[in-house]
Amino acid sequence: MSHSETVGVRQAQKQRTRQALLDAALGLLEEQSLSSMGLREVTRAVGVAPTAFYRHFRDLGELGVALVQESLASLHATVRAVLAEQAGAEERIDHTVAVVERYVREHPAHVRFIARERHGGVRAVRQAIAGELDRFATEVAAALKVQPVSVGWSDEDVRMLAELYVDRLVMTASAFLDVSDGEGEDSERWRAVARTARRQLRLISVGRRHWHDAVS
């Protein structure tokens, strides 16, 4: 095996161990907060020595920040794609709620982590979540700005609208998670969350169409 091949194998093994630590921590965080979790719990779950943890993260706070990025990264791109669609407002609303539903079904542990740690006890993680949601709002604002209904809107007002959308998406994901913990996804409570989310987004959409009239 050449030197470059050896380096490649080592890098791959390092990445696998890093991901294993993230996965183990996420599993442990199903039942506890990050501030109450011990480093040795994580390394024991992976089957590595505690010293191996520090080859990947300075502390549990840095691991939590990596989990924040992992938890929200895929949602950004998906929601941006929906907002960029040329479909009408009603269809975009339906697609957006469907995206959130699918995300909660496929990533419940990530949603639970964000919901719990958004106001949790680890400052670095709280700041990371706030930063990711702020970036998300910036991306949503850019998508909203180019829509015809936004003609004449100030950047400040488009940003405010984007923040409303992002806040509703986060709260809707949390609501889906709450009902999925005790009931199936086909339950009436799950469908009620979807209906409420669509109505809330429609309300925002109606307000958007009449915003200029309200402030003029």
N, C-alpha and C. Protein backbone atom coordinates (compact mmCIF):
# COMPACT_ATOMS: atom_id res chain seq x y z
N MET A 1 0.85 -1.20 0.00
CA MET A 1 0.00 0.00 0.00
C MET A 1 0.88 1.24 0.00
N SER A 2 0.58 2.17 -0.91
CA SER A 2 1.38 3.39 -1.00
C SER A 2 1.09 4.31 0.17
N HIS A 3 1.97 5.32 0.31
CA HIS A 3 1.78 6.30 1.40
C HIS A 3 0.45 7.02 1.27
N SER A 4 0.11 7.43 0.03
CA SER A 4 -1.15 8.16 -0.16
C SER A 4 -2.34 7.27 0.16
N GLU A 5 -2.25 5.98 -0.17
CA GLU A 5 -3.34 5.05 0.15
C GLU A 5 -3.47 4.87 1.66
N THR A 6 -2.34 4.81 2.35
CA THR A 6 -2.35 4.67 3.80
C THR A 6 -2.99 5.88 4.46
N VAL A 7 -2.63 7.07 3.96
CA VAL A 7 -3.22 8.31 4.48
C VAL A 7 -4.73 8.31 4.24
N GLY A 8 -5.12 7.84 3.05
CA GLY A 8 -6.54 7.80 2.72
C GLY A 8 -7.32 6.88 3.64
N VAL A 9 -6.75 5.73 3.95
CA VAL A 9 -7.40 4.77 4.85
C VAL A 9 -7.54 5.37 6.24
N ARG A 10 -6.48 6.03 6.70
CA ARG A 10 -6.52 6.65 8.03
C ARG A 10 -7.56 7.76 8.11
N GLN A 11 -7.64 8.56 7.05
CA GLN A 11 -8.63 9.64 7.03
C GLN A 11 -10.05 9.08 7.03
N ALA A 12 -10.25 8.00 6.28
CA ALA A 12 -11.57 7.38 6.24
C ALA A 12 -11.95 6.82 7.61
N GLN A 13 -10.98 6.18 8.27
CA GLN A 13 -11.24 5.64 9.60
C GLN A 13 -11.53 6.76 10.60
N LYS A 14 -10.78 7.86 10.49
CA LYS A 14 -11.02 9.00 11.37
C LYS A 14 -12.41 9.56 11.18
N GLN A 15 -12.83 9.66 9.92
CA GLN A 15 -14.17 10.18 9.63
C GLN A 15 -15.25 9.25 10.16
N ARG A 16 -15.02 7.93 10.04
CA ARG A 16 -16.00 6.96 10.56
C ARG A 16 -16.14 7.08 12.06
N THR A 17 -15.01 7.25 12.75
CA THR A 17 -15.05 7.39 14.21
C THR A 17 -15.75 8.67 14.60
N ARG A 18 -15.46 9.76 13.89
CA ARG A 18 -16.12 11.03 14.18
C ARG A 18 -17.64 10.90 14.03
N GLN A 19 -18.05 10.27 12.92
CA GLN A 19 -19.49 10.10 12.69
C GLN A 19 -20.11 9.19 13.74
N ALA A 20 -19.36 8.17 14.15
CA ALA A 20 -19.87 7.26 15.18
C ALA A 20 -20.09 8.00 16.50
N LEU A 21 -19.20 8.94 16.83
CA LEU A 21 -19.36 9.75 18.04
C LEU A 21 -20.61 10.63 17.94
N LEU A 22 -20.81 11.23 16.76
CA LEU A 22 -22.00 12.05 16.56
C LEU A 22 -23.28 11.22 16.67
N ASP A 23 -23.27 10.06 16.05
CA ASP A 23 -24.45 9.20 16.08
C ASP A 23 -24.75 8.71 17.49
N ALA A 24 -23.69 8.35 18.22
CA ALA A 24 -23.88 7.87 19.59
C ALA A 24 -24.42 8.99 20.48
N ALA A 25 -23.88 10.17 20.33
CA ALA A 25 -24.36 11.30 21.13
C ALA A 25 -25.81 11.61 20.81
N LEU A 26 -26.17 11.58 19.54
CA LEU A 26 -27.55 11.85 19.15
C LEU A 26 -28.49 10.83 19.77
N GLY A 27 -28.07 9.57 19.79
CA GLY A 27 -28.89 8.54 20.41
C GLY A 27 -29.06 8.77 21.90
N LEU A 28 -28.00 9.12 22.57
CA LEU A 28 -28.07 9.39 24.01
C LEU A 28 -28.93 10.61 24.31
N LEU A 29 -28.93 11.57 23.39
CA LEU A 29 -29.68 12.80 23.60
C LEU A 29 -31.18 12.62 23.39
N GLU A 30 -31.60 11.44 22.99
CA GLU A 30 -33.03 11.14 22.92
C GLU A 30 -33.66 11.23 24.31
N GLU A 31 -32.86 10.92 25.34
CA GLU A 31 -33.40 10.82 26.69
C GLU A 31 -32.84 11.86 27.66
N GLN A 32 -31.95 12.71 27.22
CA GLN A 32 -31.35 13.69 28.14
C GLN A 32 -30.88 14.91 27.36
N SER A 33 -30.51 15.94 28.09
CA SER A 33 -29.99 17.15 27.47
C SER A 33 -28.48 17.04 27.31
N LEU A 34 -27.93 17.88 26.47
CA LEU A 34 -26.49 17.86 26.25
C LEU A 34 -25.74 18.22 27.53
N SER A 35 -26.27 19.16 28.31
CA SER A 35 -25.58 19.60 29.53
C SER A 35 -25.50 18.50 30.58
N SER A 36 -26.37 17.50 30.49
CA SER A 36 -26.34 16.41 31.47
C SER A 36 -25.61 15.18 30.96
N MET A 37 -25.20 15.18 29.70
CA MET A 37 -24.55 14.01 29.12
C MET A 37 -23.06 14.02 29.42
N GLY A 38 -22.50 12.86 29.72
CA GLY A 38 -21.09 12.75 30.01
C GLY A 38 -20.28 12.30 28.80
N LEU A 39 -19.07 12.79 28.70
CA LEU A 39 -18.20 12.41 27.59
C LEU A 39 -17.96 10.91 27.57
N ARG A 40 -17.78 10.32 28.75
CA ARG A 40 -17.52 8.88 28.81
C ARG A 40 -18.71 8.06 28.34
N GLU A 41 -19.91 8.60 28.50
CA GLU A 41 -21.09 7.91 27.97
C GLU A 41 -20.98 7.76 26.46
N VAL A 42 -20.54 8.81 25.83
CA VAL A 42 -20.44 8.82 24.37
C VAL A 42 -19.37 7.85 23.90
N THR A 43 -18.18 7.93 24.49
CA THR A 43 -17.09 7.06 24.04
C THR A 43 -17.37 5.60 24.37
N ARG A 44 -18.07 5.35 25.48
CA ARG A 44 -18.43 3.98 25.83
C ARG A 44 -19.39 3.41 24.79
N ALA A 45 -20.31 4.23 24.32
CA ALA A 45 -21.27 3.77 23.32
C ALA A 45 -20.59 3.44 22.00
N VAL A 46 -19.52 4.14 21.69
CA VAL A 46 -18.79 3.90 20.44
C VAL A 46 -17.76 2.79 20.59
N GLY A 47 -17.29 2.59 21.83
CA GLY A 47 -16.27 1.57 22.08
C GLY A 47 -14.86 2.08 21.86
N VAL A 48 -14.66 3.39 22.15
CA VAL A 48 -13.31 3.96 22.04
C VAL A 48 -12.93 4.56 23.39
N ALA A 49 -11.63 4.77 23.57
CA ALA A 49 -11.15 5.37 24.82
C ALA A 49 -11.53 6.85 24.85
N PRO A 50 -11.76 7.40 26.07
CA PRO A 50 -12.10 8.82 26.17
C PRO A 50 -11.08 9.73 25.48
N THR A 51 -9.82 9.34 25.52
CA THR A 51 -8.80 10.17 24.87
C THR A 51 -9.03 10.29 23.36
N ALA A 52 -9.65 9.28 22.76
CA ALA A 52 -9.91 9.31 21.32
C ALA A 52 -10.91 10.40 20.96
N PHE A 53 -11.77 10.75 21.90
CA PHE A 53 -12.77 11.80 21.66
C PHE A 53 -12.08 13.10 21.25
N TYR A 54 -10.97 13.42 21.92
CA TYR A 54 -10.32 14.72 21.73
C TYR A 54 -9.57 14.81 20.41
N ARG A 55 -9.49 13.73 19.67
CA ARG A 55 -8.93 13.81 18.32
C ARG A 55 -9.95 14.38 17.34
N HIS A 56 -11.19 14.49 17.79
CA HIS A 56 -12.26 14.93 16.90
C HIS A 56 -12.96 16.20 17.40
N PHE A 57 -13.09 16.34 18.71
CA PHE A 57 -13.80 17.48 19.29
C PHE A 57 -13.07 17.96 20.54
N ARG A 58 -13.09 19.28 20.75
CA ARG A 58 -12.47 19.83 21.95
C ARG A 58 -13.25 19.44 23.20
N ASP A 59 -14.57 19.44 23.07
CA ASP A 59 -15.44 19.13 24.20
C ASP A 59 -16.82 18.78 23.67
N LEU A 60 -17.76 18.51 24.57
CA LEU A 60 -19.10 18.14 24.15
C LEU A 60 -19.82 19.32 23.48
N GLY A 61 -19.44 20.53 23.86
CA GLY A 61 -20.04 21.70 23.21
C GLY A 61 -19.72 21.73 21.72
N GLU A 62 -18.49 21.43 21.37
CA GLU A 62 -18.11 21.42 19.95
C GLU A 62 -18.81 20.29 19.22
N LEU A 63 -18.96 19.14 19.88
CA LEU A 63 -19.72 18.05 19.28
C LEU A 63 -21.17 18.49 19.05
N GLY A 64 -21.75 19.20 20.02
CA GLY A 64 -23.11 19.70 19.88
C GLY A 64 -23.26 20.64 18.71
N VAL A 65 -22.28 21.51 18.50
CA VAL A 65 -22.31 22.43 17.37
C VAL A 65 -22.30 21.64 16.05
N ALA A 66 -21.49 20.59 15.99
CA ALA A 66 -21.47 19.74 14.79
C ALA A 66 -22.82 19.08 14.57
N LEU A 67 -23.50 18.69 15.63
CA LEU A 67 -24.83 18.11 15.51
C LEU A 67 -25.85 19.13 15.00
N VAL A 68 -25.69 20.37 15.42
CA VAL A 68 -26.58 21.43 14.93
C VAL A 68 -26.46 21.55 13.41
N GLN A 69 -25.23 21.59 12.93
CA GLN A 69 -25.00 21.72 11.50
C GLN A 69 -25.56 20.51 10.75
N GLU A 70 -25.35 19.33 11.31
CA GLU A 70 -25.85 18.10 10.70
C GLU A 70 -27.38 18.08 10.70
N SER A 71 -27.97 18.59 11.76
CA SER A 71 -29.43 18.53 11.91
C SER A 71 -30.17 19.43 10.94
N LEU A 72 -29.61 20.59 10.63
CA LEU A 72 -30.34 21.59 9.85
C LEU A 72 -29.89 21.72 8.40
N ALA A 73 -28.74 21.15 8.07
CA ALA A 73 -28.18 21.38 6.73
C ALA A 73 -29.12 20.94 5.61
N SER A 74 -29.65 19.72 5.70
CA SER A 74 -30.46 19.20 4.61
C SER A 74 -31.79 19.93 4.49
N LEU A 75 -32.31 20.43 5.61
CA LEU A 75 -33.59 21.13 5.57
C LEU A 75 -33.49 22.44 4.81
N HIS A 76 -32.35 23.12 4.94
CA HIS A 76 -32.15 24.39 4.24
C HIS A 76 -32.39 24.24 2.74
N ALA A 77 -31.66 23.31 2.15
CA ALA A 77 -31.70 23.16 0.70
C ALA A 77 -33.09 22.77 0.22
N THR A 78 -33.76 21.90 0.97
CA THR A 78 -35.08 21.43 0.56
C THR A 78 -36.10 22.55 0.58
N VAL A 79 -36.12 23.34 1.65
CA VAL A 79 -37.09 24.44 1.75
C VAL A 79 -36.79 25.51 0.70
N ARG A 80 -35.51 25.79 0.46
CA ARG A 80 -35.15 26.77 -0.58
C ARG A 80 -35.70 26.33 -1.94
N ALA A 81 -35.59 25.04 -2.22
CA ALA A 81 -36.07 24.51 -3.49
C ALA A 81 -37.58 24.70 -3.62
N VAL A 82 -38.32 24.48 -2.54
CA VAL A 82 -39.77 24.66 -2.57
C VAL A 82 -40.11 26.13 -2.82
N LEU A 83 -39.43 27.03 -2.13
CA LEU A 83 -39.72 28.45 -2.29
C LEU A 83 -39.37 28.97 -3.68
N ALA A 84 -38.43 28.28 -4.33
CA ALA A 84 -38.02 28.70 -5.67
C ALA A 84 -38.96 28.18 -6.75
N GLU A 85 -39.90 27.31 -6.38
CA GLU A 85 -40.83 26.76 -7.35
C GLU A 85 -41.68 27.87 -7.98
N GLN A 86 -42.10 27.66 -9.21
CA GLN A 86 -42.96 28.61 -9.90
C GLN A 86 -44.44 28.35 -9.63
N ALA A 87 -44.71 27.41 -8.74
CA ALA A 87 -46.10 27.07 -8.42
C ALA A 87 -46.77 28.22 -7.68
N GLY A 88 -48.10 28.13 -7.57
CA GLY A 88 -48.84 29.15 -6.84
C GLY A 88 -48.61 29.04 -5.35
N ALA A 89 -49.10 30.04 -4.62
CA ALA A 89 -48.87 30.11 -3.18
C ALA A 89 -49.43 28.89 -2.46
N GLU A 90 -50.63 28.45 -2.83
CA GLU A 90 -51.26 27.31 -2.16
C GLU A 90 -50.43 26.05 -2.34
N GLU A 91 -49.94 25.83 -3.56
CA GLU A 91 -49.14 24.64 -3.82
C GLU A 91 -47.82 24.69 -3.07
N ARG A 92 -47.21 25.87 -3.02
CA ARG A 92 -45.95 25.99 -2.26
C ARG A 92 -46.18 25.72 -0.78
N ILE A 93 -47.32 26.18 -0.24
CA ILE A 93 -47.62 25.92 1.17
C ILE A 93 -47.76 24.42 1.41
N ASP A 94 -48.50 23.73 0.54
CA ASP A 94 -48.67 22.29 0.69
C ASP A 94 -47.32 21.58 0.61
N HIS A 95 -46.47 21.99 -0.32
CA HIS A 95 -45.16 21.37 -0.47
C HIS A 95 -44.29 21.63 0.76
N THR A 96 -44.36 22.85 1.29
CA THR A 96 -43.54 23.19 2.45
C THR A 96 -43.93 22.34 3.66
N VAL A 97 -45.22 22.21 3.92
CA VAL A 97 -45.67 21.39 5.05
C VAL A 97 -45.28 19.93 4.83
N ALA A 98 -45.38 19.46 3.60
CA ALA A 98 -44.99 18.08 3.30
C ALA A 98 -43.50 17.87 3.56
N VAL A 99 -42.69 18.87 3.23
CA VAL A 99 -41.24 18.78 3.48
C VAL A 99 -40.96 18.65 4.97
N VAL A 100 -41.64 19.46 5.78
CA VAL A 100 -41.44 19.40 7.22
C VAL A 100 -41.90 18.05 7.77
N GLU A 101 -43.05 17.57 7.30
CA GLU A 101 -43.53 16.25 7.73
C GLU A 101 -42.49 15.17 7.43
N ARG A 102 -41.99 15.17 6.21
CA ARG A 102 -41.02 14.15 5.82
C ARG A 102 -39.74 14.27 6.64
N TYR A 103 -39.31 15.49 6.91
CA TYR A 103 -38.09 15.69 7.69
C TYR A 103 -38.23 15.13 9.11
N VAL A 104 -39.40 15.36 9.72
CA VAL A 104 -39.62 14.84 11.08
C VAL A 104 -39.68 13.32 11.05
N ARG A 105 -40.32 12.75 10.03
CA ARG A 105 -40.39 11.28 9.94
C ARG A 105 -39.00 10.67 9.78
N GLU A 106 -38.15 11.32 8.97
CA GLU A 106 -36.85 10.75 8.65
C GLU A 106 -35.76 11.11 9.66
N HIS A 107 -35.93 12.24 10.38
CA HIS A 107 -34.88 12.70 11.30
C HIS A 107 -35.46 13.10 12.67
N PRO A 108 -36.23 12.25 13.31
CA PRO A 108 -36.85 12.65 14.58
C PRO A 108 -35.84 13.00 15.67
N ALA A 109 -34.73 12.28 15.71
CA ALA A 109 -33.72 12.56 16.75
C ALA A 109 -33.10 13.93 16.54
N HIS A 110 -32.86 14.30 15.29
CA HIS A 110 -32.29 15.62 15.02
C HIS A 110 -33.28 16.73 15.40
N VAL A 111 -34.55 16.52 15.08
CA VAL A 111 -35.56 17.53 15.43
C VAL A 111 -35.67 17.66 16.94
N ARG A 112 -35.67 16.54 17.64
CA ARG A 112 -35.75 16.58 19.10
C ARG A 112 -34.54 17.30 19.70
N PHE A 113 -33.38 17.05 19.15
CA PHE A 113 -32.16 17.71 19.62
C PHE A 113 -32.26 19.23 19.47
N ILE A 114 -32.68 19.69 18.29
CA ILE A 114 -32.79 21.13 18.06
C ILE A 114 -33.84 21.74 18.97
N ALA A 115 -34.99 21.08 19.09
CA ALA A 115 -36.07 21.61 19.93
C ALA A 115 -35.63 21.73 21.38
N ARG A 116 -34.88 20.75 21.87
CA ARG A 116 -34.47 20.74 23.27
C ARG A 116 -33.33 21.72 23.54
N GLU A 117 -32.38 21.78 22.62
CA GLU A 117 -31.17 22.56 22.87
C GLU A 117 -31.27 24.00 22.41
N ARG A 118 -32.35 24.35 21.69
CA ARG A 118 -32.50 25.73 21.24
C ARG A 118 -32.49 26.69 22.41
N HIS A 119 -33.01 26.26 23.54
CA HIS A 119 -33.00 27.08 24.75
C HIS A 119 -32.34 26.31 25.89
N GLY A 120 -31.39 25.44 25.53
CA GLY A 120 -30.74 24.58 26.51
C GLY A 120 -29.61 25.25 27.26
N GLY A 121 -28.88 24.44 28.00
CA GLY A 121 -27.88 24.97 28.91
C GLY A 121 -26.48 25.12 28.36
N VAL A 122 -26.25 24.73 27.10
CA VAL A 122 -24.91 24.83 26.52
C VAL A 122 -24.89 26.04 25.57
N ARG A 123 -24.19 27.07 26.00
CA ARG A 123 -24.23 28.35 25.28
C ARG A 123 -23.77 28.23 23.83
N ALA A 124 -22.69 27.48 23.61
CA ALA A 124 -22.16 27.36 22.25
C ALA A 124 -23.19 26.74 21.31
N VAL A 125 -23.96 25.80 21.83
CA VAL A 125 -24.97 25.13 21.01
C VAL A 125 -26.16 26.05 20.78
N ARG A 126 -26.59 26.78 21.82
CA ARG A 126 -27.67 27.76 21.64
C ARG A 126 -27.28 28.76 20.56
N GLN A 127 -26.05 29.24 20.62
CA GLN A 127 -25.59 30.23 19.64
C GLN A 127 -25.52 29.61 18.24
N ALA A 128 -25.11 28.35 18.17
CA ALA A 128 -25.01 27.69 16.87
C ALA A 128 -26.39 27.52 16.25
N ILE A 129 -27.38 27.14 17.06
CA ILE A 129 -28.75 27.00 16.55
C ILE A 129 -29.28 28.35 16.09
N ALA A 130 -29.06 29.39 16.91
CA ALA A 130 -29.51 30.73 16.53
C ALA A 130 -28.84 31.17 15.23
N GLY A 131 -27.55 30.87 15.10
CA GLY A 131 -26.82 31.24 13.89
C GLY A 131 -27.33 30.51 12.66
N GLU A 132 -27.62 29.21 12.81
CA GLU A 132 -28.13 28.43 11.68
C GLU A 132 -29.52 28.92 11.27
N LEU A 133 -30.37 29.22 12.25
CA LEU A 133 -31.70 29.72 11.92
C LEU A 133 -31.63 31.11 11.29
N ASP A 134 -30.67 31.91 11.73
CA ASP A 134 -30.46 33.22 11.13
C ASP A 134 -30.03 33.08 9.67
N ARG A 135 -29.12 32.14 9.42
CA ARG A 135 -28.67 31.89 8.04
C ARG A 135 -29.83 31.35 7.20
N PHE A 136 -30.63 30.49 7.82
CA PHE A 136 -31.80 29.95 7.14
C PHE A 136 -32.75 31.08 6.73
N ALA A 137 -32.97 32.02 7.64
CA ALA A 137 -33.84 33.16 7.35
C ALA A 137 -33.26 34.00 6.20
N THR A 138 -31.95 34.15 6.16
CA THR A 138 -31.31 34.89 5.08
C THR A 138 -31.55 34.21 3.73
N GLU A 139 -31.44 32.87 3.73
CA GLU A 139 -31.66 32.11 2.50
C GLU A 139 -33.12 32.20 2.06
N VAL A 140 -34.04 32.10 3.02
CA VAL A 140 -35.46 32.20 2.70
C VAL A 140 -35.78 33.60 2.17
N ALA A 141 -35.20 34.62 2.79
CA ALA A 141 -35.43 35.99 2.34
C ALA A 141 -34.97 36.17 0.89
N ALA A 142 -33.84 35.58 0.55
CA ALA A 142 -33.35 35.69 -0.83
C ALA A 142 -34.32 35.04 -1.80
N ALA A 143 -34.92 33.91 -1.41
CA ALA A 143 -35.88 33.24 -2.27
C ALA A 143 -37.18 34.03 -2.38
N LEU A 144 -37.62 34.64 -1.28
CA LEU A 144 -38.85 35.43 -1.29
C LEU A 144 -38.69 36.72 -2.08
N LYS A 145 -37.52 37.30 -2.03
CA LYS A 145 -37.26 38.60 -2.64
C LYS A 145 -37.51 38.58 -4.14
N VAL A 146 -37.23 37.46 -4.79
CA VAL A 146 -37.34 37.41 -6.25
C VAL A 146 -38.75 37.02 -6.71
N GLN A 147 -39.64 36.72 -5.78
CA GLN A 147 -41.01 36.40 -6.16
C GLN A 147 -41.76 37.69 -6.54
N PRO A 148 -42.62 37.64 -7.55
CA PRO A 148 -43.31 38.86 -8.02
C PRO A 148 -44.07 39.60 -6.92
N VAL A 149 -44.62 38.87 -5.96
CA VAL A 149 -45.41 39.51 -4.91
C VAL A 149 -44.55 40.39 -4.01
N SER A 150 -43.23 40.21 -4.09
CA SER A 150 -42.32 41.00 -3.25
C SER A 150 -41.88 42.30 -3.91
N VAL A 151 -42.36 42.58 -5.10
CA VAL A 151 -41.97 43.83 -5.77
C VAL A 151 -42.37 45.02 -4.90
N GLY A 152 -41.42 45.91 -4.68
CA GLY A 152 -41.68 47.09 -3.87
C GLY A 152 -41.43 46.91 -2.40
N TRP A 153 -41.14 45.69 -1.97
CA TRP A 153 -40.87 45.43 -0.56
C TRP A 153 -39.45 45.87 -0.20
N SER A 154 -39.30 46.42 1.00
CA SER A 154 -37.95 46.74 1.48
C SER A 154 -37.26 45.46 1.93
N ASP A 155 -35.93 45.51 1.95
CA ASP A 155 -35.17 44.35 2.42
C ASP A 155 -35.54 44.01 3.87
N GLU A 156 -35.80 45.04 4.66
CA GLU A 156 -36.16 44.82 6.07
C GLU A 156 -37.47 44.05 6.19
N ASP A 157 -38.45 44.40 5.37
CA ASP A 157 -39.74 43.73 5.44
C ASP A 157 -39.65 42.30 4.91
N VAL A 158 -38.87 42.08 3.85
CA VAL A 158 -38.68 40.72 3.33
C VAL A 158 -38.00 39.86 4.38
N ARG A 159 -37.02 40.43 5.07
CA ARG A 159 -36.34 39.68 6.12
C ARG A 159 -37.31 39.33 7.25
N MET A 160 -38.17 40.27 7.63
CA MET A 160 -39.16 40.01 8.67
C MET A 160 -40.08 38.86 8.26
N LEU A 161 -40.50 38.87 7.00
CA LEU A 161 -41.36 37.81 6.49
C LEU A 161 -40.63 36.46 6.53
N ALA A 162 -39.38 36.45 6.13
CA ALA A 162 -38.59 35.22 6.15
C ALA A 162 -38.48 34.65 7.55
N GLU A 163 -38.28 35.53 8.53
CA GLU A 163 -38.18 35.07 9.91
C GLU A 163 -39.50 34.48 10.39
N LEU A 164 -40.63 35.04 9.94
CA LEU A 164 -41.93 34.46 10.27
C LEU A 164 -42.04 33.05 9.73
N TYR A 165 -41.63 32.85 8.48
CA TYR A 165 -41.68 31.53 7.86
C TYR A 165 -40.80 30.54 8.62
N VAL A 166 -39.58 30.93 8.90
CA VAL A 166 -38.64 30.03 9.58
C VAL A 166 -39.16 29.65 10.96
N ASP A 167 -39.68 30.63 11.69
CA ASP A 167 -40.22 30.34 13.01
C ASP A 167 -41.38 29.36 12.93
N ARG A 168 -42.26 29.53 11.94
CA ARG A 168 -43.39 28.62 11.78
C ARG A 168 -42.92 27.22 11.42
N LEU A 169 -41.89 27.11 10.59
CA LEU A 169 -41.37 25.80 10.21
C LEU A 169 -40.79 25.07 11.42
N VAL A 170 -40.04 25.79 12.25
CA VAL A 170 -39.45 25.17 13.44
C VAL A 170 -40.54 24.73 14.41
N MET A 171 -41.52 25.59 14.64
CA MET A 171 -42.60 25.26 15.55
C MET A 171 -43.45 24.11 15.02
N THR A 172 -43.64 24.07 13.71
CA THR A 172 -44.41 22.97 13.12
C THR A 172 -43.67 21.66 13.26
N ALA A 173 -42.36 21.66 13.04
CA ALA A 173 -41.57 20.44 13.22
C ALA A 173 -41.68 19.94 14.66
N SER A 174 -41.61 20.85 15.62
CA SER A 174 -41.73 20.47 17.03
C SER A 174 -43.12 19.89 17.31
N ALA A 175 -44.14 20.48 16.71
CA ALA A 175 -45.50 19.99 16.92
C ALA A 175 -45.69 18.59 16.33
N PHE A 176 -45.14 18.34 15.14
CA PHE A 176 -45.19 16.99 14.57
C PHE A 176 -44.47 16.00 15.48
N LEU A 177 -43.34 16.41 16.00
CA LEU A 177 -42.57 15.53 16.87
C LEU A 177 -43.36 15.18 18.12
N ASP A 178 -44.03 16.17 18.70
CA ASP A 178 -44.81 15.93 19.92
C ASP A 178 -45.89 14.88 19.71
N VAL A 179 -46.58 14.94 18.57
CA VAL A 179 -47.65 13.96 18.36
C VAL A 179 -47.11 12.62 17.88
N SER A 180 -45.95 12.62 17.21
CA SER A 180 -45.40 11.35 16.72
C SER A 180 -44.84 10.51 17.86
N ASP A 181 -44.49 11.15 18.99
CA ASP A 181 -43.95 10.39 20.12
C ASP A 181 -44.97 9.44 20.71
N GLY A 182 -46.25 9.82 20.65
CA GLY A 182 -47.25 8.97 21.29
C GLY A 182 -48.22 8.31 20.33
N GLU A 183 -48.26 8.77 19.08
CA GLU A 183 -49.23 8.26 18.14
C GLU A 183 -48.60 8.08 16.77
N GLY A 184 -49.27 7.32 15.92
CA GLY A 184 -48.79 7.10 14.57
C GLY A 184 -48.93 8.35 13.71
N GLU A 185 -48.21 8.34 12.59
CA GLU A 185 -48.22 9.50 11.71
C GLU A 185 -49.55 9.65 10.96
N ASP A 186 -50.38 8.61 10.99
CA ASP A 186 -51.69 8.70 10.35
C ASP A 186 -52.78 9.06 11.35
N SER A 187 -52.38 9.43 12.56
CA SER A 187 -53.36 9.76 13.58
C SER A 187 -54.04 11.09 13.27
N GLU A 188 -55.19 11.31 13.88
CA GLU A 188 -55.92 12.56 13.70
C GLU A 188 -55.11 13.73 14.22
N ARG A 189 -54.36 13.54 15.30
CA ARG A 189 -53.55 14.63 15.85
C ARG A 189 -52.45 15.04 14.87
N TRP A 190 -51.83 14.06 14.21
CA TRP A 190 -50.81 14.38 13.20
C TRP A 190 -51.43 15.19 12.07
N ARG A 191 -52.59 14.74 11.58
CA ARG A 191 -53.27 15.46 10.50
C ARG A 191 -53.68 16.85 10.95
N ALA A 192 -54.05 16.98 12.23
CA ALA A 192 -54.44 18.29 12.76
C ALA A 192 -53.25 19.25 12.75
N VAL A 193 -52.06 18.75 13.07
CA VAL A 193 -50.86 19.60 13.03
C VAL A 193 -50.62 20.09 11.61
N ALA A 194 -50.77 19.18 10.64
CA ALA A 194 -50.57 19.57 9.23
C ALA A 194 -51.59 20.61 8.80
N ARG A 195 -52.85 20.42 9.20
CA ARG A 195 -53.88 21.40 8.83
C ARG A 195 -53.58 22.76 9.44
N THR A 196 -53.22 22.75 10.71
CA THR A 196 -52.91 24.02 11.38
C THR A 196 -51.74 24.72 10.72
N ALA A 197 -50.70 23.95 10.37
CA ALA A 197 -49.52 24.54 9.73
C ALA A 197 -49.89 25.18 8.40
N ARG A 198 -50.71 24.50 7.62
CA ARG A 198 -51.12 25.06 6.33
C ARG A 198 -51.94 26.34 6.52
N ARG A 199 -52.84 26.35 7.51
CA ARG A 199 -53.64 27.53 7.77
C ARG A 199 -52.77 28.70 8.23
N GLN A 200 -51.79 28.42 9.08
CA GLN A 200 -50.90 29.48 9.55
C GLN A 200 -50.10 30.07 8.40
N LEU A 201 -49.60 29.21 7.51
CA LEU A 201 -48.83 29.71 6.37
C LEU A 201 -49.73 30.47 5.40
N ARG A 202 -50.98 30.05 5.26
CA ARG A 202 -51.92 30.81 4.43
C ARG A 202 -52.19 32.18 5.02
N LEU A 203 -52.31 32.23 6.34
CA LEU A 203 -52.53 33.51 7.01
C LEU A 203 -51.36 34.46 6.75
N ILE A 204 -50.15 33.94 6.84
CA ILE A 204 -48.97 34.75 6.53
C ILE A 204 -49.01 35.19 5.07
N SER A 205 -49.42 34.28 4.17
CA SER A 205 -49.47 34.60 2.75
C SER A 205 -50.49 35.70 2.46
N VAL A 206 -51.67 35.62 3.11
CA VAL A 206 -52.69 36.65 2.93
C VAL A 206 -52.17 38.00 3.43
N GLY A 207 -51.55 37.98 4.61
CA GLY A 207 -50.98 39.22 5.14
C GLY A 207 -49.92 39.79 4.24
N ARG A 208 -49.15 38.92 3.60
CA ARG A 208 -48.11 39.37 2.68
C ARG A 208 -48.71 40.13 1.50
N ARG A 209 -49.81 39.61 0.96
CA ARG A 209 -50.42 40.26 -0.21
C ARG A 209 -50.98 41.64 0.12
N HIS A 210 -51.34 41.85 1.37
CA HIS A 210 -51.96 43.12 1.75
C HIS A 210 -51.05 43.99 2.64
N TRP A 211 -49.79 43.62 2.73
CA TRP A 211 -48.89 44.34 3.62
C TRP A 211 -48.74 45.81 3.22
N HIS A 212 -48.56 46.06 1.94
CA HIS A 212 -48.39 47.45 1.50
C HIS A 212 -49.60 48.31 1.84
N ASP A 213 -50.80 47.74 1.70
CA ASP A 213 -52.02 48.49 2.05
C ASP A 213 -52.04 48.82 3.52
N ALA A 214 -51.53 47.89 4.35
CA ALA A 214 -51.59 48.06 5.80
C ALA A 214 -50.61 49.12 6.29
N VAL A 215 -49.46 49.28 5.63
CA VAL A 215 -48.44 50.20 6.12
C VAL A 215 -48.42 51.52 5.35
N SER A 216 -49.22 51.62 4.29
CA SER A 216 -49.20 52.87 3.51
C SER A 216 -50.05 53.94 4.16
